[in-house]
């Protein structure tokens, strides 16, 4: 247990101040993150956050941008401080219009990334 506390402390202390609150809430396991797709290219992170704040405290709203940073890829994530708030937002916002586009909202499922040794190419 002490080792877990130590690793959590290092994780929080190594990060920048902007993300500490979100990380602390995430580490405690009391957040709920939603996946939002179908986001308009004109939607900003602030407008996404504003659209979801009617359901509760939004810890973070993140729109995924193209590598060159010119526009969004059309999807993002909204993190709530409470699971029940996120579930209400999921039910009420799924299929609604946001900035002229119908958005789809779903839960984010933490799936471990499986890595293994590289596959050997077959000789032939």
N, C-alpha and C. Protein backbone atom coordinates (compact mmCIF):
# COMPACT_ATOMS: atom_id res chain seq x y z
N UNK A 1 0.83 -1.19 0.00
CA UNK A 1 0.00 0.00 0.00
C UNK A 1 0.87 1.25 0.00
N UNK A 2 1.95 1.22 0.76
CA UNK A 2 2.84 2.37 0.81
C UNK A 2 3.49 2.62 -0.54
N UNK A 3 3.82 1.54 -1.24
CA UNK A 3 4.41 1.69 -2.57
C UNK A 3 3.43 2.34 -3.53
N UNK A 4 2.16 1.98 -3.42
CA UNK A 4 1.14 2.59 -4.27
C UNK A 4 1.01 4.07 -3.98
N UNK A 5 0.99 4.42 -2.71
CA UNK A 5 0.92 5.84 -2.34
C UNK A 5 2.12 6.61 -2.87
N UNK A 6 3.30 5.98 -2.78
CA UNK A 6 4.51 6.63 -3.27
C UNK A 6 4.47 6.86 -4.77
N UNK A 7 3.99 5.88 -5.52
CA UNK A 7 3.93 6.04 -6.98
C UNK A 7 2.89 7.08 -7.37
N UNK A 8 1.79 7.12 -6.63
CA UNK A 8 0.78 8.16 -6.90
C UNK A 8 1.34 9.53 -6.60
N UNK A 9 2.07 9.66 -5.49
CA UNK A 9 2.67 10.95 -5.14
C UNK A 9 3.65 11.40 -6.20
N UNK A 10 4.47 10.46 -6.71
CA UNK A 10 5.43 10.82 -7.77
C UNK A 10 4.72 11.24 -9.04
N UNK A 11 3.65 10.53 -9.39
CA UNK A 11 2.90 10.86 -10.59
C UNK A 11 2.35 12.28 -10.50
N UNK A 12 1.81 12.62 -9.36
CA UNK A 12 1.22 13.95 -9.18
C UNK A 12 2.30 15.01 -9.13
N UNK A 13 3.40 14.75 -8.40
CA UNK A 13 4.44 15.77 -8.26
C UNK A 13 5.22 15.99 -9.55
N UNK A 14 5.30 14.98 -10.42
CA UNK A 14 6.04 15.13 -11.67
C UNK A 14 5.25 15.89 -12.74
N UNK A 15 3.95 16.00 -12.58
CA UNK A 15 3.14 16.65 -13.60
C UNK A 15 3.10 18.16 -13.37
N UNK A 16 2.59 18.86 -14.38
CA UNK A 16 2.48 20.30 -14.23
C UNK A 16 1.24 20.64 -13.41
N UNK A 17 1.18 21.87 -12.92
CA UNK A 17 0.10 22.28 -12.03
C UNK A 17 -1.27 22.24 -12.68
N UNK A 18 -1.34 22.48 -13.97
CA UNK A 18 -2.63 22.54 -14.67
C UNK A 18 -3.39 21.22 -14.59
N UNK A 19 -2.67 20.10 -14.65
CA UNK A 19 -3.32 18.79 -14.69
C UNK A 19 -3.41 18.09 -13.35
N UNK A 20 -2.89 18.68 -12.29
CA UNK A 20 -2.87 17.99 -11.00
C UNK A 20 -4.25 17.65 -10.48
N UNK A 21 -5.17 18.59 -10.54
CA UNK A 21 -6.51 18.33 -10.01
C UNK A 21 -7.19 17.22 -10.79
N UNK A 22 -7.09 17.26 -12.10
CA UNK A 22 -7.72 16.22 -12.93
C UNK A 22 -7.08 14.87 -12.65
N UNK A 23 -5.76 14.82 -12.47
CA UNK A 23 -5.10 13.56 -12.20
C UNK A 23 -5.49 13.02 -10.83
N UNK A 24 -5.59 13.90 -9.85
CA UNK A 24 -5.95 13.45 -8.51
C UNK A 24 -7.35 12.84 -8.51
N UNK A 25 -8.28 13.51 -9.17
CA UNK A 25 -9.63 12.98 -9.25
C UNK A 25 -9.63 11.66 -10.00
N UNK A 26 -8.86 11.56 -11.09
CA UNK A 26 -8.79 10.33 -11.87
C UNK A 26 -8.19 9.19 -11.05
N UNK A 27 -7.13 9.47 -10.32
CA UNK A 27 -6.46 8.44 -9.54
C UNK A 27 -7.40 7.90 -8.46
N UNK A 28 -8.19 8.76 -7.88
CA UNK A 28 -9.13 8.31 -6.85
C UNK A 28 -10.26 7.47 -7.44
N UNK A 29 -10.42 7.53 -8.75
CA UNK A 29 -11.42 6.68 -9.40
C UNK A 29 -12.84 7.20 -9.30
N UNK A 30 -13.01 8.49 -9.10
CA UNK A 30 -14.36 9.02 -8.94
C UNK A 30 -14.77 9.86 -10.14
N UNK A 31 -14.06 9.74 -11.22
CA UNK A 31 -14.45 10.49 -12.40
C UNK A 31 -15.14 9.57 -13.39
N UNK A 32 -15.73 10.18 -14.35
CA UNK A 32 -16.30 9.43 -15.45
C UNK A 32 -16.00 10.20 -16.72
N UNK A 33 -15.40 9.52 -17.66
CA UNK A 33 -14.98 10.14 -18.92
C UNK A 33 -15.89 9.67 -20.03
N UNK A 34 -16.33 10.62 -20.84
CA UNK A 34 -17.20 10.32 -21.97
C UNK A 34 -16.47 10.58 -23.28
N UNK A 35 -16.73 9.75 -24.27
CA UNK A 35 -16.21 9.91 -25.62
C UNK A 35 -17.29 10.60 -26.44
N UNK A 36 -16.93 11.69 -27.11
CA UNK A 36 -17.89 12.45 -27.91
C UNK A 36 -17.39 12.47 -29.35
N UNK A 37 -18.21 11.94 -30.29
CA UNK A 37 -17.81 11.98 -31.70
C UNK A 37 -18.86 12.74 -32.50
N UNK A 38 -18.45 13.18 -33.68
CA UNK A 38 -19.33 13.98 -34.52
C UNK A 38 -19.24 15.46 -34.20
N UNK A 39 -18.17 15.87 -33.54
CA UNK A 39 -18.00 17.27 -33.14
C UNK A 39 -17.71 18.11 -34.38
N UNK A 40 -18.35 19.26 -34.45
CA UNK A 40 -18.14 20.20 -35.55
C UNK A 40 -16.72 20.75 -35.51
N UNK A 41 -16.20 21.10 -36.68
CA UNK A 41 -14.86 21.68 -36.74
C UNK A 41 -14.83 23.07 -36.10
N UNK A 42 -15.98 23.70 -35.93
CA UNK A 42 -16.03 25.02 -35.31
C UNK A 42 -16.17 24.95 -33.79
N UNK A 43 -16.41 23.77 -33.25
CA UNK A 43 -16.56 23.62 -31.80
C UNK A 43 -15.20 23.76 -31.12
N UNK A 44 -15.18 24.54 -30.05
CA UNK A 44 -13.95 24.72 -29.26
C UNK A 44 -14.07 23.92 -27.97
N UNK A 45 -12.95 23.76 -27.28
CA UNK A 45 -12.99 23.05 -26.00
C UNK A 45 -13.88 23.78 -25.00
N UNK A 46 -13.88 25.11 -25.04
CA UNK A 46 -14.74 25.88 -24.13
C UNK A 46 -16.22 25.67 -24.45
N UNK A 47 -16.58 25.66 -25.73
CA UNK A 47 -17.99 25.45 -26.08
C UNK A 47 -18.43 24.02 -25.78
N UNK A 48 -17.52 23.06 -25.93
CA UNK A 48 -17.82 21.68 -25.57
C UNK A 48 -18.06 21.57 -24.06
N UNK A 49 -17.20 22.20 -23.30
CA UNK A 49 -17.34 22.20 -21.84
C UNK A 49 -18.65 22.87 -21.43
N UNK A 50 -18.96 24.01 -22.04
CA UNK A 50 -20.20 24.74 -21.72
C UNK A 50 -21.44 23.89 -22.01
N UNK A 51 -21.40 23.13 -23.09
CA UNK A 51 -22.54 22.29 -23.45
C UNK A 51 -22.80 21.19 -22.42
N UNK A 52 -21.75 20.72 -21.77
CA UNK A 52 -21.89 19.62 -20.82
C UNK A 52 -21.98 20.05 -19.36
N UNK A 53 -21.67 21.31 -19.05
CA UNK A 53 -21.70 21.75 -17.65
C UNK A 53 -23.10 21.78 -17.06
N UNK A 54 -24.11 21.77 -17.88
CA UNK A 54 -25.48 21.75 -17.34
C UNK A 54 -25.78 20.45 -16.59
N UNK A 55 -24.94 19.42 -16.78
CA UNK A 55 -25.17 18.13 -16.13
C UNK A 55 -24.32 17.94 -14.89
N UNK A 56 -23.35 18.82 -14.66
CA UNK A 56 -22.50 18.71 -13.48
C UNK A 56 -21.14 19.34 -13.71
N UNK A 57 -20.24 19.10 -12.76
CA UNK A 57 -18.90 19.68 -12.81
C UNK A 57 -18.04 18.96 -13.84
N UNK A 58 -17.63 19.70 -14.86
CA UNK A 58 -16.76 19.16 -15.91
C UNK A 58 -15.32 19.45 -15.49
N UNK A 59 -14.54 18.38 -15.32
CA UNK A 59 -13.14 18.51 -14.92
C UNK A 59 -12.29 18.91 -16.13
N UNK A 60 -12.60 18.30 -17.29
CA UNK A 60 -11.83 18.58 -18.50
C UNK A 60 -12.68 18.31 -19.73
N UNK A 61 -12.50 19.15 -20.74
CA UNK A 61 -13.09 18.92 -22.06
C UNK A 61 -11.94 19.02 -23.05
N UNK A 62 -11.70 17.97 -23.80
CA UNK A 62 -10.55 17.90 -24.71
C UNK A 62 -11.02 17.50 -26.10
N UNK A 63 -10.67 18.31 -27.08
CA UNK A 63 -10.94 17.99 -28.48
C UNK A 63 -9.63 17.55 -29.10
N UNK A 64 -9.65 16.41 -29.78
CA UNK A 64 -8.45 15.87 -30.40
C UNK A 64 -8.23 16.59 -31.74
N UNK A 65 -7.03 17.13 -31.89
CA UNK A 65 -6.68 17.90 -33.07
C UNK A 65 -5.80 17.10 -34.01
N UNK A 66 -5.79 17.50 -35.28
CA UNK A 66 -4.89 16.89 -36.26
C UNK A 66 -3.45 17.22 -35.86
N UNK A 67 -2.50 16.45 -36.39
CA UNK A 67 -1.10 16.64 -36.03
C UNK A 67 -0.60 18.05 -36.32
N UNK A 68 -1.08 18.64 -37.39
CA UNK A 68 -0.64 20.00 -37.73
C UNK A 68 -1.36 21.06 -36.91
N UNK A 69 -2.36 20.68 -36.13
CA UNK A 69 -3.05 21.59 -35.23
C UNK A 69 -4.02 22.54 -35.90
N UNK A 70 -4.35 22.32 -37.16
CA UNK A 70 -5.20 23.25 -37.88
C UNK A 70 -6.68 23.09 -37.56
N UNK A 71 -7.13 21.86 -37.33
CA UNK A 71 -8.53 21.65 -37.01
C UNK A 71 -8.70 20.33 -36.26
N UNK A 72 -9.91 20.14 -35.74
CA UNK A 72 -10.16 18.94 -34.95
C UNK A 72 -10.33 17.72 -35.84
N UNK A 73 -10.20 16.56 -35.22
CA UNK A 73 -10.47 15.30 -35.91
C UNK A 73 -11.94 14.93 -35.82
N UNK A 74 -12.73 15.72 -35.11
CA UNK A 74 -14.16 15.47 -35.02
C UNK A 74 -14.58 14.67 -33.80
N UNK A 75 -13.66 14.46 -32.87
CA UNK A 75 -14.03 13.77 -31.65
C UNK A 75 -13.24 14.33 -30.46
N UNK A 76 -13.71 13.99 -29.27
CA UNK A 76 -13.04 14.47 -28.07
C UNK A 76 -13.55 13.74 -26.85
N UNK A 77 -13.15 14.25 -25.69
CA UNK A 77 -13.48 13.62 -24.42
C UNK A 77 -13.96 14.68 -23.43
N UNK A 78 -14.94 14.31 -22.61
CA UNK A 78 -15.41 15.17 -21.53
C UNK A 78 -15.32 14.36 -20.25
N UNK A 79 -14.64 14.91 -19.24
CA UNK A 79 -14.46 14.22 -17.97
C UNK A 79 -15.26 14.94 -16.90
N UNK A 80 -16.10 14.20 -16.21
CA UNK A 80 -16.91 14.73 -15.11
C UNK A 80 -16.29 14.32 -13.78
N UNK A 81 -16.65 15.05 -12.72
CA UNK A 81 -16.14 14.71 -11.39
C UNK A 81 -16.96 13.61 -10.73
N UNK A 82 -18.14 13.32 -11.25
CA UNK A 82 -18.98 12.28 -10.66
C UNK A 82 -19.57 11.41 -11.76
N UNK A 83 -19.65 10.14 -11.49
CA UNK A 83 -20.16 9.17 -12.46
C UNK A 83 -21.62 9.41 -12.80
N UNK A 84 -22.43 9.75 -11.80
CA UNK A 84 -23.86 9.95 -12.07
C UNK A 84 -24.10 11.16 -12.97
N UNK A 85 -23.27 12.20 -12.83
CA UNK A 85 -23.38 13.37 -13.71
C UNK A 85 -23.05 12.98 -15.15
N UNK A 86 -22.01 12.17 -15.30
CA UNK A 86 -21.60 11.73 -16.64
C UNK A 86 -22.69 10.87 -17.28
N UNK A 87 -23.31 10.01 -16.51
CA UNK A 87 -24.35 9.15 -17.07
C UNK A 87 -25.57 9.96 -17.49
N UNK A 88 -25.90 10.99 -16.73
CA UNK A 88 -27.02 11.87 -17.11
C UNK A 88 -26.68 12.59 -18.41
N UNK A 89 -25.44 13.08 -18.52
CA UNK A 89 -25.00 13.76 -19.74
C UNK A 89 -25.02 12.80 -20.93
N UNK A 90 -24.59 11.57 -20.72
CA UNK A 90 -24.59 10.58 -21.79
C UNK A 90 -26.00 10.36 -22.31
N UNK A 91 -26.94 10.20 -21.41
CA UNK A 91 -28.33 9.94 -21.81
C UNK A 91 -28.93 11.16 -22.52
N UNK A 92 -28.70 12.35 -21.97
CA UNK A 92 -29.34 13.55 -22.51
C UNK A 92 -28.66 14.12 -23.75
N UNK A 93 -27.34 13.97 -23.87
CA UNK A 93 -26.62 14.61 -24.98
C UNK A 93 -26.44 13.70 -26.20
N UNK A 94 -26.58 12.40 -26.03
CA UNK A 94 -26.39 11.49 -27.16
C UNK A 94 -27.47 11.74 -28.21
N UNK A 95 -27.04 12.06 -29.42
CA UNK A 95 -27.96 12.32 -30.52
C UNK A 95 -28.44 13.76 -30.60
N UNK A 96 -27.91 14.64 -29.76
CA UNK A 96 -28.31 16.05 -29.78
C UNK A 96 -27.44 16.86 -30.74
N UNK A 97 -27.94 18.03 -31.11
CA UNK A 97 -27.18 18.95 -31.96
C UNK A 97 -26.22 19.77 -31.12
N UNK A 98 -25.00 19.89 -31.60
CA UNK A 98 -24.01 20.78 -30.99
C UNK A 98 -23.29 21.48 -32.13
N UNK A 99 -23.46 22.77 -32.19
CA UNK A 99 -22.87 23.59 -33.26
C UNK A 99 -23.24 23.07 -34.65
N UNK A 100 -24.49 22.66 -34.81
CA UNK A 100 -24.99 22.27 -36.11
C UNK A 100 -24.74 20.83 -36.51
N UNK A 101 -24.13 20.03 -35.63
CA UNK A 101 -23.88 18.62 -35.95
C UNK A 101 -24.44 17.73 -34.85
N UNK A 102 -24.93 16.57 -35.24
CA UNK A 102 -25.43 15.60 -34.28
C UNK A 102 -24.23 14.88 -33.68
N UNK A 103 -24.14 14.89 -32.33
CA UNK A 103 -23.02 14.23 -31.66
C UNK A 103 -23.46 12.89 -31.08
N UNK A 104 -22.52 11.99 -30.99
CA UNK A 104 -22.73 10.70 -30.33
C UNK A 104 -21.86 10.67 -29.08
N UNK A 105 -22.45 10.24 -27.99
CA UNK A 105 -21.75 10.22 -26.71
C UNK A 105 -21.75 8.79 -26.19
N UNK A 106 -20.59 8.35 -25.70
CA UNK A 106 -20.47 7.00 -25.16
C UNK A 106 -19.47 7.02 -24.00
N UNK A 107 -19.50 5.99 -23.18
CA UNK A 107 -18.53 5.85 -22.10
C UNK A 107 -17.16 5.52 -22.68
N UNK A 108 -16.12 5.91 -21.95
CA UNK A 108 -14.77 5.52 -22.30
C UNK A 108 -14.46 4.28 -21.49
N UNK A 109 -14.02 3.25 -22.16
CA UNK A 109 -13.68 2.01 -21.49
C UNK A 109 -12.17 1.87 -21.47
N UNK A 110 -11.61 1.70 -20.29
CA UNK A 110 -10.17 1.52 -20.18
C UNK A 110 -9.81 0.11 -20.59
N UNK A 111 -9.16 0.01 -21.73
CA UNK A 111 -8.71 -1.29 -22.19
C UNK A 111 -7.19 -1.29 -22.19
N UNK A 112 -6.59 -2.29 -21.61
CA UNK A 112 -5.13 -2.32 -21.59
C UNK A 112 -4.58 -2.51 -22.99
N UNK A 113 -3.50 -1.83 -23.27
CA UNK A 113 -2.83 -2.01 -24.56
C UNK A 113 -1.93 -3.22 -24.44
N UNK A 114 -2.20 -4.20 -25.26
CA UNK A 114 -1.42 -5.43 -25.23
C UNK A 114 -0.22 -5.28 -26.13
N UNK A 115 0.91 -5.53 -25.55
CA UNK A 115 2.14 -5.47 -26.33
C UNK A 115 2.88 -6.78 -26.15
N UNK A 116 3.50 -7.17 -27.16
CA UNK A 116 4.27 -8.39 -27.11
C UNK A 116 5.49 -8.25 -27.99
N UNK A 117 6.20 -9.32 -28.15
CA UNK A 117 7.37 -9.26 -29.01
C UNK A 117 6.94 -9.06 -30.46
N UNK A 118 7.77 -8.43 -31.26
CA UNK A 118 7.42 -8.25 -32.67
C UNK A 118 7.25 -9.61 -33.34
N UNK A 119 6.31 -9.66 -34.24
CA UNK A 119 6.06 -10.90 -34.96
C UNK A 119 7.16 -11.12 -35.99
N UNK A 120 7.64 -12.33 -36.04
CA UNK A 120 8.69 -12.66 -37.00
C UNK A 120 8.06 -12.83 -38.39
N UNK A 121 8.75 -12.31 -39.37
CA UNK A 121 8.25 -12.44 -40.74
C UNK A 121 8.54 -13.86 -41.23
N UNK A 122 7.60 -14.39 -41.96
CA UNK A 122 7.76 -15.76 -42.49
C UNK A 122 8.71 -15.72 -43.69
N UNK A 123 9.61 -16.67 -43.72
CA UNK A 123 10.51 -16.76 -44.87
C UNK A 123 9.78 -17.44 -46.01
N UNK A 124 9.94 -16.94 -47.16
CA UNK A 124 9.26 -17.62 -48.23
C UNK A 124 9.48 -17.04 -49.50
